[in-house]
Protein backbone atom coordinates (compact mmCIF):
# COMPACT_ATOMS: atom_id res chain seq x y z
CA MET A 1 0.00 0.00 0.00
CA GLN A 2 1.34 3.43 -0.96
CA VAL A 3 -0.15 6.29 1.04
CA GLN A 4 0.87 9.38 -0.93
CA VAL A 5 2.67 12.26 0.75
CA VAL A 6 1.37 15.35 -1.04
CA ASP A 7 2.71 18.91 -0.94
CA TYR A 8 -0.31 21.06 -0.11
CA ARG A 9 1.17 23.95 -2.11
CA ALA A 10 1.80 21.94 -5.30
CA PRO A 11 -0.33 22.79 -8.37
CA ASP A 12 -1.61 19.19 -8.61
CA ALA A 13 -2.09 18.72 -4.86
CA ALA A 14 -5.89 18.35 -5.00
CA GLN A 15 -5.80 15.68 -7.69
CA LYS A 16 -2.96 13.67 -6.11
CA PHE A 17 -4.49 13.89 -2.65
CA THR A 18 -7.93 12.76 -3.83
CA GLN A 19 -6.41 9.88 -5.80
CA SER A 20 -4.61 8.69 -2.66
CA LEU A 21 -7.87 8.80 -0.72
CA HIS A 22 -9.57 6.68 -3.38
CA ASP A 23 -6.69 4.19 -3.61
CA THR A 24 -5.92 3.79 0.10
CA GLY A 25 -8.47 5.71 2.19
CA PHE A 26 -5.58 7.88 3.43
CA GLY A 27 -3.55 10.88 2.33
CA VAL A 28 -0.65 12.72 3.96
CA LEU A 29 -0.02 16.47 3.53
CA VAL A 30 3.16 18.47 4.03
CA ASN A 31 3.54 22.26 3.80
CA HIS A 32 -0.03 22.61 5.04
CA PRO A 33 -1.39 25.72 6.84
CA ILE A 34 -1.88 24.20 10.32
CA GLN A 35 0.52 25.92 12.74
CA GLN A 36 3.00 23.40 14.14
CA THR A 37 3.81 25.62 17.13
CA LEU A 38 0.11 25.64 18.08
CA VAL A 39 -0.10 21.84 17.80
CA GLU A 40 3.00 21.39 19.97
CA LYS A 41 1.62 23.76 22.63
CA ILE A 42 -1.72 21.92 22.69
CA TYR A 43 0.07 18.58 23.06
CA ALA A 44 2.10 19.83 26.03
CA ASP A 45 -0.76 21.65 27.78
CA TRP A 46 -3.24 18.79 27.41
CA LEU A 47 -0.71 16.21 28.56
CA ASN A 48 -0.47 18.21 31.79
CA PHE A 49 -4.27 18.30 31.94
CA PHE A 50 -4.56 14.52 31.60
CA ASN A 51 -1.87 14.02 34.25
CA GLY A 52 -3.85 16.09 36.77
CA ASP A 53 -7.24 15.94 38.48
CA GLU A 54 -8.98 18.87 36.74
CA LYS A 55 -10.23 16.45 34.08
CA LEU A 56 -12.54 14.87 36.69
CA ALA A 57 -14.58 18.09 36.74
CA PHE A 58 -15.69 17.47 33.14
CA PRO A 59 -17.32 13.99 33.16
CA PHE A 60 -18.55 12.99 29.71
CA SER A 61 -22.18 13.55 28.76
CA LYS A 62 -23.94 10.58 27.19
CA GLU A 63 -26.48 12.92 25.69
CA LYS A 64 -24.13 15.59 24.27
CA GLN A 65 -20.98 13.42 23.93
CA ASP A 66 -18.73 16.22 25.20
CA GLY A 67 -16.30 16.27 28.11
CA TYR A 68 -13.77 13.82 29.52
CA PHE A 69 -13.82 10.08 28.79
CA SER A 70 -11.62 8.04 31.14
CA THR A 71 -9.81 4.81 30.31
CA GLU A 72 -12.56 2.95 32.19
CA ILE A 73 -15.28 4.20 29.83
CA SER A 74 -13.15 4.37 26.69
CA GLU A 75 -14.45 3.09 23.38
CA THR A 76 -14.59 -0.56 22.43
CA ALA A 77 -13.92 -0.79 18.70
CA LYS A 78 -16.62 -2.45 16.60
CA GLY A 79 -15.88 -6.18 16.55
CA SER A 80 -13.56 -5.99 19.57
CA SER A 81 -14.29 -7.19 23.11
CA LEU A 82 -11.59 -5.08 24.79
CA LYS A 83 -11.61 -1.37 25.52
CA ASP A 84 -8.94 0.75 23.91
CA ILE A 85 -6.07 1.87 26.16
CA LYS A 86 -6.77 5.60 26.00
CA GLU A 87 -8.48 8.56 27.59
CA TYR A 88 -9.78 11.58 25.73
CA PHE A 89 -11.69 14.85 25.80
CA HIS A 90 -14.38 15.84 23.30
CA ILE A 91 -14.44 19.47 22.20
CA TYR A 92 -17.25 21.23 20.39
CA PRO A 93 -17.39 25.05 20.19
CA TRP A 94 -20.74 24.89 22.03
CA GLY A 95 -19.49 22.38 24.64
CA ARG A 96 -17.48 22.39 27.86
CA ILE A 97 -13.76 23.22 27.61
CA PRO A 98 -11.32 23.91 30.48
CA GLU A 99 -10.95 27.69 30.60
CA SER A 100 -7.14 27.67 30.57
CA LEU A 101 -7.10 25.50 27.44
CA LYS A 102 -10.05 27.03 25.63
CA ALA A 103 -8.43 29.71 23.44
CA ASP A 104 -5.85 27.41 21.85
CA ALA A 105 -8.36 24.59 21.41
CA LEU A 106 -10.87 26.82 19.64
CA GLN A 107 -8.16 28.38 17.48
CA TYR A 108 -7.00 24.95 16.38
CA TYR A 109 -10.61 23.83 15.86
CA SER A 110 -11.22 26.81 13.58
CA GLU A 111 -8.05 26.29 11.53
CA ALA A 112 -8.46 22.53 11.19
CA ASN A 113 -12.17 22.82 10.38
CA ALA A 114 -11.44 25.35 7.62
CA LEU A 115 -8.77 23.09 6.12
CA ALA A 116 -11.02 20.04 6.38
CA GLY A 117 -13.70 21.92 4.46
CA GLU A 118 -11.19 22.79 1.74
CA LEU A 119 -10.03 19.18 1.47
CA LEU A 120 -13.64 18.01 1.20
CA SER A 121 -14.07 20.44 -1.69
CA TRP A 122 -11.03 18.80 -3.34
CA VAL A 123 -12.73 15.43 -2.98
CA GLU A 124 -15.94 16.85 -4.43
CA ARG A 125 -14.06 18.34 -7.42
CA TYR A 126 -12.29 15.11 -8.32
CA THR A 127 -15.09 12.64 -7.68
CA PRO A 128 -15.96 10.95 -11.02
CA PRO A 129 -19.38 12.07 -12.33
CA GLU A 130 -20.79 8.54 -12.16
CA ILE A 131 -20.04 8.53 -8.41
CA ALA A 132 -20.94 12.16 -7.70
CA LYS A 133 -24.45 11.61 -9.05
CA HIS A 134 -25.16 9.56 -5.92
CA TYR A 135 -24.44 12.47 -3.57
CA ARG A 136 -27.78 13.77 -2.27
CA GLU A 137 -26.21 17.25 -2.16
CA PRO A 138 -22.70 18.56 -2.88
CA LEU A 139 -20.22 17.42 -0.25
CA SER A 140 -19.24 21.02 0.55
CA GLN A 141 -22.88 21.80 1.38
CA MET A 142 -23.19 18.83 3.75
CA ILE A 143 -21.02 20.56 6.37
CA GLU A 144 -22.55 24.05 6.10
CA GLY A 145 -23.90 25.01 9.53
CA SER A 146 -22.90 21.68 11.08
CA GLN A 147 -22.62 21.62 14.88
CA GLN A 148 -21.32 18.05 14.94
CA THR A 149 -17.69 18.39 13.83
CA LEU A 150 -15.66 17.08 16.76
CA LEU A 151 -12.16 17.78 18.03
CA ARG A 152 -10.89 14.95 20.19
CA VAL A 153 -7.79 15.35 22.36
CA LEU A 154 -6.43 11.85 22.97
CA ARG A 155 -3.92 10.57 25.45
CA TYR A 156 -2.61 7.02 25.26
CA PRO A 157 -0.99 6.52 28.67
CA PRO A 158 2.30 4.72 29.32
CA LEU A 159 1.87 0.97 29.45
CA THR A 160 2.01 -0.69 32.85
CA GLY A 161 2.33 -4.32 31.81
CA GLN A 162 -1.03 -5.03 33.46
CA GLU A 163 -3.10 -4.42 30.31
CA PRO A 164 -5.47 -7.24 29.24
CA ALA A 165 -3.90 -9.63 26.75
CA GLY A 166 -4.61 -8.41 23.24
CA ALA A 167 -5.64 -4.87 24.24
CA LEU A 168 -4.33 -2.09 21.98
CA ARG A 169 -4.04 1.64 22.33
CA ALA A 170 -6.67 1.75 19.57
CA ALA A 171 -8.02 -1.48 18.10
CA ALA A 172 -8.71 -1.71 14.37
CA HIS A 173 -11.58 0.59 13.41
CA GLY A 174 -13.00 2.92 10.81
CA ASP A 175 -13.99 6.49 11.66
CA ILE A 176 -17.65 7.52 11.57
CA ASN A 177 -17.46 10.89 9.85
CA LEU A 178 -16.64 12.32 6.38
CA LEU A 179 -12.93 13.13 6.79
CA THR A 180 -10.54 12.95 9.75
CA ILE A 181 -7.73 15.51 10.02
CA LEU A 182 -4.84 14.36 12.22
CA PRO A 183 -1.51 16.08 12.90
CA ALA A 184 1.25 13.52 13.34
CA ALA A 185 1.29 12.48 16.99
CA ASN A 186 4.24 12.96 19.35
CA GLU A 187 4.91 9.20 19.18
CA PRO A 188 4.54 6.63 16.33
CA GLY A 189 2.07 3.76 16.25
CA LEU A 190 -0.58 4.54 13.60
CA GLN A 191 -1.09 1.74 11.07
CA VAL A 192 -3.47 1.22 8.14
CA GLN A 193 -4.74 -2.07 6.70
CA ASN A 194 -4.62 -2.83 2.98
CA MET A 195 -7.13 -4.86 1.00
CA ASP A 196 -5.13 -8.05 1.65
CA GLY A 197 -5.37 -7.60 5.42
CA ALA A 198 -1.73 -6.62 5.95
CA TRP A 199 -0.85 -3.67 8.21
CA PHE A 200 1.44 -0.81 7.23
CA ASP A 201 2.86 2.13 9.17
CA VAL A 202 1.40 5.48 8.10
CA PRO A 203 4.07 8.13 7.40
CA CYS A 204 3.96 10.32 10.49
CA ASP A 205 7.01 12.55 10.72
CA PHE A 206 6.23 15.36 13.13
CA GLY A 207 4.70 18.18 11.09
CA MET A 208 2.85 15.92 8.66
CA LEU A 209 -0.93 15.98 8.48
CA ILE A 210 -2.69 12.64 8.07
CA ILE A 211 -6.19 12.57 6.53
CA ASN A 212 -8.44 9.55 6.22
CA ILE A 213 -11.87 8.73 4.88
CA GLY A 214 -14.71 8.11 7.35
CA ASP A 215 -17.67 5.76 7.07
CA MET A 216 -20.08 8.56 6.14
CA LEU A 217 -18.12 9.45 3.01
CA GLU A 218 -17.84 5.78 2.10
CA GLU A 219 -21.62 5.52 2.51
CA ALA A 220 -22.33 8.65 0.45
CA SER A 221 -19.92 7.60 -2.33
CA GLN A 222 -21.22 4.02 -2.41
CA GLY A 223 -17.78 2.71 -1.48
CA TYR A 224 -15.72 4.69 -4.01
CA TYR A 225 -13.88 6.36 -1.12
CA PRO A 226 -13.01 3.55 1.33
CA SER A 227 -13.16 4.01 5.08
CA THR A 228 -9.95 2.09 5.66
CA GLN A 229 -9.39 0.21 8.89
CA HIS A 230 -6.62 1.67 11.03
CA ARG A 231 -5.23 1.14 14.53
CA VAL A 232 -2.67 2.40 17.04
CA VAL A 233 -0.36 -0.39 18.15
CA ASN A 234 1.30 -0.66 21.54
CA PRO A 235 4.93 0.50 21.72
CA THR A 236 7.77 -1.59 23.08
CA GLY A 237 10.97 -0.73 24.88
CA GLU A 238 11.47 2.88 25.92
CA GLY A 239 8.39 3.97 23.95
CA ALA A 240 6.13 2.02 26.31
CA THR A 241 7.04 4.41 29.14
CA ARG A 242 5.83 7.51 27.27
CA SER A 243 2.38 8.96 26.67
CA ARG A 244 1.16 9.41 23.12
CA VAL A 245 -0.94 12.53 22.45
CA SER A 246 -3.12 12.84 19.37
CA LEU A 247 -5.45 15.55 18.05
CA PRO A 248 -7.95 14.28 15.45
CA LEU A 249 -10.69 16.52 14.07
CA PHE A 250 -13.68 14.56 12.78
CA LEU A 251 -15.51 16.45 10.03
CA HIS A 252 -19.25 15.78 10.33
CA PRO A 253 -22.21 16.79 8.16
CA ARG A 254 -25.38 18.32 9.54
CA ASN A 255 -27.66 15.83 11.26
CA GLU A 256 -30.35 15.98 8.57
CA VAL A 257 -28.00 15.31 5.63
CA VAL A 258 -29.09 12.23 3.68
CA LEU A 259 -26.11 9.96 3.04
CA SER A 260 -27.91 7.10 1.30
CA ASP A 261 -31.18 5.23 1.15
CA ARG A 262 -30.20 3.64 4.46
CA HIS A 263 -29.00 6.57 6.54
CA THR A 264 -29.06 10.21 7.43
CA ALA A 265 -25.95 11.55 9.15
CA HIS A 266 -27.82 11.50 12.47
CA SER A 267 -29.07 7.91 12.19
CA TYR A 268 -25.64 6.67 11.17
CA LEU A 269 -23.90 8.48 14.03
CA GLN A 270 -26.34 7.14 16.63
CA GLU A 271 -25.93 3.59 15.33
CA ARG A 272 -22.15 3.79 15.54
CA LEU A 273 -22.12 5.37 19.01
CA ARG A 274 -24.19 2.45 20.28
CA GLU A 275 -21.78 0.00 18.63
CA LEU A 276 -18.85 1.74 20.35
CA GLY A 277 -20.54 1.38 23.73
CA VAL A 278 -20.54 5.11 24.55
CA LYS A 279 -24.31 5.53 24.07
CA THR A 280 -27.23 3.28 24.93
């Protein structure tokens, strides 16, 4: 599997990036507009947050899906029986955010959301007409006015050696949304699965931006854009003693957007949240 590394500033960036998404479900951007200094500051500040007790003042809301999710209530990937080894905080502009972390988080949310919208327009532009005819509305319109785009701050804690046999930092899964925007984490571990079932490391030099297709875009495109399975594997050696911090933005359409004959964005999201065990 060849996940393309594309220069965001290149004249043919949109075409190469979209082709990589079609071929592999993933694309990697360099020379993109997301500020690396902002990402590094968020990583450091939120690692301190997860290492302290302030996070306990923001227990997750089953109804709104915002706030802090501990390792005890972490997701269980679809098809897995073990919870992922991670804790995380869900950020929406309308939701709860620790005051000391709010300004940077909302700035990053705004920048990443704007870039995600641009990348979705690239996908829309280079979708073959025979596939695009199945979109119930242009992709770029699906996100207009959406309140569902989610920024998740993830911390994979150091391993203790007491983890259940077979448990991973993130078991194999597909994302729910249209596109996921992910700055390279502070530690390696992200892998993607090819059509033959083999796993490959995703290029993740610090400063790269990793983008992958979500289930909703696969649904809307009738499988033309594949929601590729990916995972975060457990480190060994010295890496096992370090936390891994990650900052995915999940680009979501408005609730009422019709994805297919089977689903609206809302019905699909609710189905997947129940499968993940974070909603009943």
